[in-house]
Amino acid sequence: MNKKKSVIQNLYSAILKLESIDECDLFFKDLCTPNEINVLAQRLEVAKLLLQEKTYIDIQHLTKASTATISRVNRTISDGAKGYKRLFGGRH
């Protein structure tokens, strides 16, 4: 395993050790800036809404995400690693 992959695996292992929302809150506040947390949360919400087959306009109103962000998340749902689908279910 190369160094970069090992570091990423360490991140995933650390996240898996968190046992509550409060622990996640503390960890992510240490790891990320408030803006980074907001960006991640927004993308997750956009993915959930796309998988519920909401329209781009509805998603923009609900999340304040740009159409570029919505499109990028939609492309990831279609062509990505299927993590969003595993998390939220939804269209196949």
PDB file of N, CA and C in Angstrom:
ATOM      1  N   MET A   1       0.852  -1.175   0.000  1.00  0.00           N
ATOM      2  CA  MET A   1       0.000   0.000   0.000  1.00  0.00           C
ATOM      3  C   MET A   1       0.899   1.239   0.000  1.00  0.00           C
ATOM      4  N   ASN A   2       0.602   2.178  -0.892  1.00  0.00           N
ATOM      5  CA  ASN A   2       1.439   3.374  -0.936  1.00  0.00           C
ATOM      6  C   ASN A   2       1.112   4.303   0.231  1.00  0.00           C
ATOM      7  N   LYS A   3       1.982   5.265   0.448  1.00  0.00           N
ATOM      8  CA  LYS A   3       1.879   6.172   1.606  1.00  0.00           C
ATOM      9  C   LYS A   3       0.560   6.947   1.610  1.00  0.00           C
ATOM     10  N   LYS A   4       0.174   7.488   0.455  1.00  0.00           N
ATOM     11  CA  LYS A   4      -1.060   8.276   0.382  1.00  0.00           C
ATOM     12  C   LYS A   4      -2.273   7.421   0.735  1.00  0.00           C
ATOM     13  N   LYS A   5      -2.322   6.210   0.198  1.00  0.00           N
ATOM     14  CA  LYS A   5      -3.445   5.323   0.483  1.00  0.00           C
ATOM     15  C   LYS A   5      -3.466   4.950   1.960  1.00  0.00           C
ATOM     16  N   SER A   6      -2.314   4.738   2.552  1.00  0.00           N
ATOM     17  CA  SER A   6      -2.217   4.413   3.971  1.00  0.00           C
ATOM     18  C   SER A   6      -2.752   5.551   4.836  1.00  0.00           C
ATOM     19  N   VAL A   7      -2.422   6.778   4.473  1.00  0.00           N
ATOM     20  CA  VAL A   7      -2.899   7.941   5.227  1.00  0.00           C
ATOM     21  C   VAL A   7      -4.418   8.052   5.119  1.00  0.00           C
ATOM     22  N   ILE A   8      -4.948   7.806   3.931  1.00  0.00           N
ATOM     23  CA  ILE A   8      -6.399   7.849   3.738  1.00  0.00           C
ATOM     24  C   ILE A   8      -7.071   6.739   4.534  1.00  0.00           C
ATOM     25  N   GLN A   9      -6.487   5.547   4.529  1.00  0.00           N
ATOM     26  CA  GLN A   9      -7.036   4.442   5.323  1.00  0.00           C
ATOM     27  C   GLN A   9      -7.053   4.800   6.810  1.00  0.00           C
ATOM     28  N   ASN A  10      -6.018   5.493   7.273  1.00  0.00           N
ATOM     29  CA  ASN A  10      -5.985   5.937   8.672  1.00  0.00           C
ATOM     30  C   ASN A  10      -7.131   6.892   8.972  1.00  0.00           C
ATOM     31  N   LEU A  11      -7.440   7.775   8.039  1.00  0.00           N
ATOM     32  CA  LEU A  11      -8.578   8.684   8.212  1.00  0.00           C
ATOM     33  C   LEU A  11      -9.874   7.895   8.337  1.00  0.00           C
ATOM     34  N   TYR A  12     -10.096   6.966   7.431  1.00  0.00           N
ATOM     35  CA  TYR A  12     -11.319   6.155   7.474  1.00  0.00           C
ATOM     36  C   TYR A  12     -11.412   5.357   8.771  1.00  0.00           C
ATOM     37  N   SER A  13     -10.306   4.796   9.206  1.00  0.00           N
ATOM     38  CA  SER A  13     -10.290   4.038  10.465  1.00  0.00           C
ATOM     39  C   SER A  13     -10.640   4.936  11.646  1.00  0.00           C
ATOM     40  N   ALA A  14     -10.118   6.149  11.641  1.00  0.00           N
ATOM     41  CA  ALA A  14     -10.426   7.095  12.724  1.00  0.00           C
ATOM     42  C   ALA A  14     -11.914   7.417  12.746  1.00  0.00           C
ATOM     43  N   ILE A  15     -12.497   7.649  11.579  1.00  0.00           N
ATOM     44  CA  ILE A  15     -13.931   7.964  11.508  1.00  0.00           C
ATOM     45  C   ILE A  15     -14.761   6.792  12.011  1.00  0.00           C
ATOM     46  N   LEU A  16     -14.363   5.582  11.660  1.00  0.00           N
ATOM     47  CA  LEU A  16     -15.115   4.402  12.096  1.00  0.00           C
ATOM     48  C   LEU A  16     -15.073   4.189  13.610  1.00  0.00           C
ATOM     49  N   LYS A  17     -14.105   4.779  14.286  1.00  0.00           N
ATOM     50  CA  LYS A  17     -14.011   4.651  15.744  1.00  0.00           C
ATOM     51  C   LYS A  17     -14.975   5.582  16.480  1.00  0.00           C
ATOM     52  N   LEU A  18     -15.525   6.554  15.796  1.00  0.00           N
ATOM     53  CA  LEU A  18     -16.439   7.496  16.436  1.00  0.00           C
ATOM     54  C   LEU A  18     -17.758   6.798  16.739  1.00  0.00           C
ATOM     55  N   GLU A  19     -18.278   7.022  17.935  1.00  0.00           N
ATOM     56  CA  GLU A  19     -19.442   6.268  18.384  1.00  0.00           C
ATOM     57  C   GLU A  19     -20.699   7.095  18.579  1.00  0.00           C
ATOM     58  N   SER A  20     -20.625   8.400  18.387  1.00  0.00           N
ATOM     59  CA  SER A  20     -21.817   9.225  18.590  1.00  0.00           C
ATOM     60  C   SER A  20     -21.731  10.485  17.736  1.00  0.00           C
ATOM     61  N   ILE A  21     -22.865  11.151  17.618  1.00  0.00           N
ATOM     62  CA  ILE A  21     -22.897  12.436  16.914  1.00  0.00           C
ATOM     63  C   ILE A  21     -21.978  13.428  17.610  1.00  0.00           C
ATOM     64  N   ASP A  22     -21.984  13.436  18.937  1.00  0.00           N
ATOM     65  CA  ASP A  22     -21.121  14.359  19.681  1.00  0.00           C
ATOM     66  C   ASP A  22     -19.644  14.099  19.392  1.00  0.00           C
ATOM     67  N   GLU A  23     -19.242  12.824  19.339  1.00  0.00           N
ATOM     68  CA  GLU A  23     -17.855  12.500  19.007  1.00  0.00           C
ATOM     69  C   GLU A  23     -17.522  12.943  17.583  1.00  0.00           C
ATOM     70  N   CYS A  24     -18.454  12.731  16.663  1.00  0.00           N
ATOM     71  CA  CYS A  24     -18.241  13.187  15.281  1.00  0.00           C
ATOM     72  C   CYS A  24     -18.091  14.699  15.231  1.00  0.00           C
ATOM     73  N   ASP A  25     -18.934  15.398  15.967  1.00  0.00           N
ATOM     74  CA  ASP A  25     -18.879  16.853  16.003  1.00  0.00           C
ATOM     75  C   ASP A  25     -17.507  17.333  16.471  1.00  0.00           C
ATOM     76  N   LEU A  26     -17.025  16.770  17.561  1.00  0.00           N
ATOM     77  CA  LEU A  26     -15.716  17.165  18.084  1.00  0.00           C
ATOM     78  C   LEU A  26     -14.595  16.841  17.099  1.00  0.00           C
ATOM     79  N   PHE A  27     -14.636  15.648  16.537  1.00  0.00           N
ATOM     80  CA  PHE A  27     -13.592  15.219  15.608  1.00  0.00           C
ATOM     81  C   PHE A  27     -13.548  16.111  14.369  1.00  0.00           C
ATOM     82  N   PHE A  28     -14.707  16.318  13.748  1.00  0.00           N
ATOM     83  CA  PHE A  28     -14.719  17.105  12.517  1.00  0.00           C
ATOM     84  C   PHE A  28     -14.413  18.578  12.775  1.00  0.00           C
ATOM     85  N   LYS A  29     -14.753  19.084  13.951  1.00  0.00           N
ATOM     86  CA  LYS A  29     -14.368  20.461  14.293  1.00  0.00           C
ATOM     87  C   LYS A  29     -12.854  20.586  14.441  1.00  0.00           C
ATOM     88  N   ASP A  30     -12.207  19.532  14.900  1.00  0.00           N
ATOM     89  CA  ASP A  30     -10.741  19.526  14.978  1.00  0.00           C
ATOM     90  C   ASP A  30     -10.106  19.339  13.594  1.00  0.00           C
ATOM     91  N   LEU A  31     -10.717  18.502  12.781  1.00  0.00           N
ATOM     92  CA  LEU A  31     -10.138  18.126  11.494  1.00  0.00           C
ATOM     93  C   LEU A  31     -10.363  19.165  10.399  1.00  0.00           C
ATOM     94  N   CYS A  32     -11.529  19.774  10.390  1.00  0.00           N
ATOM     95  CA  CYS A  32     -11.943  20.629   9.275  1.00  0.00           C
ATOM     96  C   CYS A  32     -12.258  22.045   9.734  1.00  0.00           C
ATOM     97  N   THR A  33     -12.216  22.964   8.790  1.00  0.00           N
ATOM     98  CA  THR A  33     -12.713  24.308   9.065  1.00  0.00           C
ATOM     99  C   THR A  33     -14.242  24.259   9.053  1.00  0.00           C
ATOM    100  N   PRO A  34     -14.896  25.247   9.659  1.00  0.00           N
ATOM    101  CA  PRO A  34     -16.363  25.277   9.585  1.00  0.00           C
ATOM    102  C   PRO A  34     -16.867  25.249   8.139  1.00  0.00           C
ATOM    103  N   ASN A  35     -16.200  25.955   7.244  1.00  0.00           N
ATOM    104  CA  ASN A  35     -16.623  25.960   5.845  1.00  0.00           C
ATOM    105  C   ASN A  35     -16.491  24.576   5.215  1.00  0.00           C
ATOM    106  N   GLU A  36     -15.415  23.861   5.513  1.00  0.00           N
ATOM    107  CA  GLU A  36     -15.241  22.507   4.967  1.00  0.00           C
ATOM    108  C   GLU A  36     -16.345  21.575   5.454  1.00  0.00           C
ATOM    109  N   ILE A  37     -16.715  21.683   6.710  1.00  0.00           N
ATOM    110  CA  ILE A  37     -17.811  20.867   7.248  1.00  0.00           C
ATOM    111  C   ILE A  37     -19.107  21.209   6.529  1.00  0.00           C
ATOM    112  N   ASN A  38     -19.362  22.496   6.335  1.00  0.00           N
ATOM    113  CA  ASN A  38     -20.585  22.918   5.649  1.00  0.00           C
ATOM    114  C   ASN A  38     -20.629  22.420   4.214  1.00  0.00           C
ATOM    115  N   VAL A  39     -19.503  22.456   3.516  1.00  0.00           N
ATOM    116  CA  VAL A  39     -19.442  21.973   2.134  1.00  0.00           C
ATOM    117  C   VAL A  39     -19.732  20.475   2.082  1.00  0.00           C
ATOM    118  N   LEU A  40     -19.126  19.710   2.970  1.00  0.00           N
ATOM    119  CA  LEU A  40     -19.375  18.265   3.010  1.00  0.00           C
ATOM    120  C   LEU A  40     -20.838  17.971   3.323  1.00  0.00           C
ATOM    121  N   ALA A  41     -21.385  18.672   4.307  1.00  0.00           N
ATOM    122  CA  ALA A  41     -22.780  18.463   4.697  1.00  0.00           C
ATOM    123  C   ALA A  41     -23.723  18.831   3.558  1.00  0.00           C
ATOM    124  N   GLN A  42     -23.418  19.921   2.862  1.00  0.00           N
ATOM    125  CA  GLN A  42     -24.262  20.345   1.746  1.00  0.00           C
ATOM    126  C   GLN A  42     -24.249  19.292   0.637  1.00  0.00           C
ATOM    127  N   ARG A  43     -23.080  18.788   0.294  1.00  0.00           N
ATOM    128  CA  ARG A  43     -22.993  17.763  -0.757  1.00  0.00           C
ATOM    129  C   ARG A  43     -23.772  16.513  -0.370  1.00  0.00           C
ATOM    130  N   LEU A  44     -23.686  16.133   0.884  1.00  0.00           N
ATOM    131  CA  LEU A  44     -24.424  14.963   1.356  1.00  0.00           C
ATOM    132  C   LEU A  44     -25.927  15.187   1.239  1.00  0.00           C
ATOM    133  N   GLU A  45     -26.388  16.375   1.620  1.00  0.00           N
ATOM    134  CA  GLU A  45     -27.814  16.703   1.518  1.00  0.00           C
ATOM    135  C   GLU A  45     -28.255  16.745   0.058  1.00  0.00           C
ATOM    136  N   VAL A  46     -27.434  17.314  -0.807  1.00  0.00           N
ATOM    137  CA  VAL A  46     -27.743  17.343  -2.240  1.00  0.00           C
ATOM    138  C   VAL A  46     -27.878  15.916  -2.772  1.00  0.00           C
ATOM    139  N   ALA A  47     -26.970  15.039  -2.408  1.00  0.00           N
ATOM    140  CA  ALA A  47     -27.035  13.645  -2.863  1.00  0.00           C
ATOM    141  C   ALA A  47     -28.318  12.981  -2.389  1.00  0.00           C
ATOM    142  N   LYS A  48     -28.668  13.194  -1.137  1.00  0.00           N
ATOM    143  CA  LYS A  48     -29.893  12.597  -0.597  1.00  0.00           C
ATOM    144  C   LYS A  48     -31.109  13.069  -1.389  1.00  0.00           C
ATOM    145  N   LEU A  49     -31.169  14.358  -1.667  1.00  0.00           N
ATOM    146  CA  LEU A  49     -32.310  14.916  -2.397  1.00  0.00           C
ATOM    147  C   LEU A  49     -32.332  14.452  -3.850  1.00  0.00           C
ATOM    148  N   LEU A  50     -31.175  14.355  -4.488  1.00  0.00           N
ATOM    149  CA  LEU A  50     -31.129  13.821  -5.851  1.00  0.00           C
ATOM    150  C   LEU A  50     -31.624  12.381  -5.889  1.00  0.00           C
ATOM    151  N   LEU A  51     -31.230  11.598  -4.916  1.00  0.00           N
ATOM    152  CA  LEU A  51     -31.669  10.198  -4.869  1.00  0.00           C
ATOM    153  C   LEU A  51     -33.153  10.075  -4.543  1.00  0.00           C
ATOM    154  N   GLN A  52     -33.733  11.138  -3.981  1.00  0.00           N
ATOM    155  CA  GLN A  52     -35.183  11.199  -3.772  1.00  0.00           C
ATOM    156  C   GLN A  52     -35.884  11.777  -5.007  1.00  0.00           C
ATOM    157  N   GLU A  53     -35.094  12.004  -6.056  1.00  0.00           N
ATOM    158  CA  GLU A  53     -35.566  12.501  -7.346  1.00  0.00           C
ATOM    159  C   GLU A  53     -36.164  13.902  -7.273  1.00  0.00           C
ATOM    160  N   LYS A  54     -35.613  14.735  -6.391  1.00  0.00           N
ATOM    161  CA  LYS A  54     -35.992  16.148  -6.341  1.00  0.00           C
ATOM    162  C   LYS A  54     -35.375  16.856  -7.545  1.00  0.00           C
ATOM    163  N   THR A  55     -35.977  17.957  -7.961  1.00  0.00           N
ATOM    164  CA  THR A  55     -35.457  18.723  -9.088  1.00  0.00           C
ATOM    165  C   THR A  55     -34.298  19.603  -8.635  1.00  0.00           C
ATOM    166  N   TYR A  56     -33.487  20.024  -9.605  1.00  0.00           N
ATOM    167  CA  TYR A  56     -32.383  20.938  -9.300  1.00  0.00           C
ATOM    168  C   TYR A  56     -32.908  22.204  -8.628  1.00  0.00           C
ATOM    169  N   ILE A  57     -34.021  22.731  -9.113  1.00  0.00           N
ATOM    170  CA  ILE A  57     -34.582  23.963  -8.539  1.00  0.00           C
ATOM    171  C   ILE A  57     -34.976  23.742  -7.087  1.00  0.00           C
ATOM    172  N   ASP A  58     -35.646  22.630  -6.805  1.00  0.00           N
ATOM    173  CA  ASP A  58     -36.018  22.320  -5.414  1.00  0.00           C
ATOM    174  C   ASP A  58     -34.772  22.186  -4.543  1.00  0.00           C
ATOM    175  N   ILE A  59     -33.762  21.504  -5.056  1.00  0.00           N
ATOM    176  CA  ILE A  59     -32.525  21.295  -4.292  1.00  0.00           C
ATOM    177  C   ILE A  59     -31.824  22.623  -4.038  1.00  0.00           C
ATOM    178  N   GLN A  60     -31.799  23.494  -5.041  1.00  0.00           N
ATOM    179  CA  GLN A  60     -31.202  24.824  -4.847  1.00  0.00           C
ATOM    180  C   GLN A  60     -31.912  25.582  -3.732  1.00  0.00           C
ATOM    181  N   HIS A  61     -33.237  25.553  -3.745  1.00  0.00           N
ATOM    182  CA  HIS A  61     -34.005  26.262  -2.717  1.00  0.00           C
ATOM    183  C   HIS A  61     -33.775  25.669  -1.330  1.00  0.00           C
ATOM    184  N   LEU A  62     -33.704  24.357  -1.249  1.00  0.00           N
ATOM    185  CA  LEU A  62     -33.562  23.686   0.046  1.00  0.00           C
ATOM    186  C   LEU A  62     -32.152  23.777   0.623  1.00  0.00           C
ATOM    187  N   THR A  63     -31.140  23.759  -0.246  1.00  0.00           N
ATOM    188  CA  THR A  63     -29.757  23.656   0.234  1.00  0.00           C
ATOM    189  C   THR A  63     -28.895  24.887  -0.036  1.00  0.00           C
ATOM    190  N   LYS A  64     -29.359  25.752  -0.921  1.00  0.00           N
ATOM    191  CA  LYS A  64     -28.568  26.919  -1.371  1.00  0.00           C
ATOM    192  C   LYS A  64     -27.330  26.497  -2.166  1.00  0.00           C
ATOM    193  N   ALA A  65     -27.301  25.252  -2.625  1.00  0.00           N
ATOM    194  CA  ALA A  65     -26.189  24.764  -3.445  1.00  0.00           C
ATOM    195  C   ALA A  65     -26.289  25.347  -4.849  1.00  0.00           C
ATOM    196  N   SER A  66     -25.154  25.555  -5.473  1.00  0.00           N
ATOM    197  CA  SER A  66     -25.133  26.037  -6.855  1.00  0.00           C
ATOM    198  C   SER A  66     -25.512  24.898  -7.799  1.00  0.00           C
ATOM    199  N   THR A  67     -25.933  25.270  -9.004  1.00  0.00           N
ATOM    200  CA  THR A  67     -26.234  24.227  -9.986  1.00  0.00           C
ATOM    201  C   THR A  67     -24.977  23.430 -10.330  1.00  0.00           C
ATOM    202  N   ALA A  68     -23.809  24.072 -10.266  1.00  0.00           N
ATOM    203  CA  ALA A  68     -22.549  23.351 -10.523  1.00  0.00           C
ATOM    204  C   ALA A  68     -22.324  22.263  -9.478  1.00  0.00           C
ATOM    205  N   THR A  69     -22.580  22.585  -8.212  1.00  0.00           N
ATOM    206  CA  THR A  69     -22.427  21.587  -7.143  1.00  0.00           C
ATOM    207  C   THR A  69     -23.434  20.461  -7.317  1.00  0.00           C
ATOM    208  N   ILE A  70     -24.675  20.812  -7.600  1.00  0.00           N
ATOM    209  CA  ILE A  70     -25.716  19.798  -7.783  1.00  0.00           C
ATOM    210  C   ILE A  70     -25.356  18.887  -8.951  1.00  0.00           C
ATOM    211  N   SER A  71     -24.898  19.473 -10.039  1.00  0.00           N
ATOM    212  CA  SER A  71     -24.506  18.701 -11.215  1.00  0.00           C
ATOM    213  C   SER A  71     -23.332  17.779 -10.914  1.00  0.00           C
ATOM    214  N   ARG A  72     -22.354  18.284 -10.186  1.00  0.00           N
ATOM    215  CA  ARG A  72     -21.178  17.482  -9.825  1.00  0.00           C
ATOM    216  C   ARG A  72     -21.587  16.287  -8.957  1.00  0.00           C
ATOM    217  N   VAL A  73     -22.458  16.523  -7.984  1.00  0.00           N
ATOM    218  CA  VAL A  73     -22.929  15.430  -7.122  1.00  0.00           C
ATOM    219  C   VAL A  73     -23.748  14.441  -7.944  1.00  0.00           C
ATOM    220  N   ASN A  74     -24.582  14.945  -8.839  1.00  0.00           N
ATOM    221  CA  ASN A  74     -25.391  14.071  -9.688  1.00  0.00           C
ATOM    222  C   ASN A  74     -24.504  13.185 -10.558  1.00  0.00           C
ATOM    223  N   ARG A  75     -23.441  13.759 -11.107  1.00  0.00           N
ATOM    224  CA  ARG A  75     -22.496  12.984 -11.919  1.00  0.00           C
ATOM    225  C   ARG A  75     -21.819  11.905 -11.065  1.00  0.00           C
ATOM    226  N   THR A  76     -21.488  12.256  -9.831  1.00  0.00           N
ATOM    227  CA  THR A  76     -20.876  11.277  -8.931  1.00  0.00           C
ATOM    228  C   THR A  76     -21.845  10.142  -8.622  1.00  0.00           C
ATOM    229  N   ILE A  77     -23.109  10.473  -8.431  1.00  0.00           N
ATOM    230  CA  ILE A  77     -24.113   9.430  -8.189  1.00  0.00           C
ATOM    231  C   ILE A  77     -24.177   8.482  -9.381  1.00  0.00           C
ATOM    232  N   SER A  78     -24.126   9.038 -10.578  1.00  0.00           N
ATOM    233  CA  SER A  78     -24.222   8.219 -11.794  1.00  0.00           C
ATOM    234  C   SER A  78     -22.955   7.427 -12.089  1.00  0.00           C
ATOM    235  N   ASP A  79     -21.797   8.062 -11.890  1.00  0.00           N
ATOM    236  CA  ASP A  79     -20.540   7.470 -12.358  1.00  0.00           C
ATOM    237  C   ASP A  79     -19.542   7.141 -11.257  1.00  0.00           C
ATOM    238  N   GLY A  80     -19.855   7.470 -10.021  1.00  0.00           N
ATOM    239  CA  GLY A  80     -18.891   7.335  -8.936  1.00  0.00           C
ATOM    240  C   GLY A  80     -18.851   5.945  -8.328  1.00  0.00           C
ATOM    241  N   ALA A  81     -18.358   5.889  -7.117  1.00  0.00           N
ATOM    242  CA  ALA A  81     -18.113   4.624  -6.418  1.00  0.00           C
ATOM    243  C   ALA A  81     -19.362   4.032  -5.767  1.00  0.00           C
ATOM    244  N   LYS A  82     -20.501   4.683  -5.916  1.00  0.00           N
ATOM    245  CA  LYS A  82     -21.800   4.212  -5.404  1.00  0.00           C
ATOM    246  C   LYS A  82     -21.946   4.351  -3.891  1.00  0.00           C
ATOM    247  N   GLY A  83     -21.104   5.159  -3.268  1.00  0.00           N
ATOM    248  CA  GLY A  83     -21.201   5.375  -1.828  1.00  0.00           C
ATOM    249  C   GLY A  83     -22.483   6.070  -1.408  1.00  0.00           C
ATOM    250  N   TYR A  84     -22.910   7.072  -2.189  1.00  0.00           N
ATOM    251  CA  TYR A  84     -24.159   7.772  -1.865  1.00  0.00           C
ATOM    252  C   TYR A  84     -25.337   6.806  -1.927  1.00  0.00           C
ATOM    253  N   LYS A  85     -25.373   5.968  -2.954  1.00  0.00           N
ATOM    254  CA  LYS A  85     -26.477   5.015  -3.099  1.00  0.00           C
ATOM    255  C   LYS A  85     -26.490   4.021  -1.951  1.00  0.00           C
ATOM    256  N   ARG A  86     -25.317   3.618  -1.517  1.00  0.00           N
ATOM    257  CA  ARG A  86     -25.253   2.687  -0.391  1.00  0.00           C
ATOM    258  C   ARG A  86     -25.776   3.350   0.881  1.00  0.00           C
ATOM    259  N   LEU A  87     -25.453   4.610   1.052  1.00  0.00           N
ATOM    260  CA  LEU A  87     -25.872   5.341   2.242  1.00  0.00           C
ATOM    261  C   LEU A  87     -27.363   5.648   2.232  1.00  0.00           C
ATOM    262  N   PHE A  88     -27.880   6.108   1.094  1.00  0.00           N
ATOM    263  CA  PHE A  88     -29.258   6.598   1.037  1.00  0.00           C
ATOM    264  C   PHE A  88     -30.216   5.724   0.246  1.00  0.00           C
ATOM    265  N   GLY A  89     -29.724   4.702  -0.457  1.00  0.00           N
ATOM    266  CA  GLY A  89     -30.596   3.966  -1.358  1.00  0.00           C
ATOM    267  C   GLY A  89     -30.898   4.848  -2.551  1.00  0.00           C
ATOM    268  N   GLY A  90     -32.005   4.646  -3.183  1.00  0.00           N
ATOM    269  CA  GLY A  90     -32.401   5.541  -4.266  1.00  0.00           C
ATOM    270  C   GLY A  90     -32.217   4.928  -5.627  1.00  0.00           C
ATOM    271  N   ARG A  91     -32.271   5.800  -6.630  1.00  0.00           N
ATOM    272  CA  ARG A  91     -32.284   5.361  -8.027  1.00  0.00           C
ATOM    273  C   ARG A  91     -31.047   4.522  -8.361  1.00  0.00           C
ATOM    274  N   HIS A  92     -31.232   3.613  -9.300  1.00  0.00           N
ATOM    275  CA  HIS A  92     -30.136   2.706  -9.688  1.00  0.00           C
ATOM    276  C   HIS A  92     -29.694   2.943 -11.096  1.00  0.00           C
TER     277      HIS A  92
END
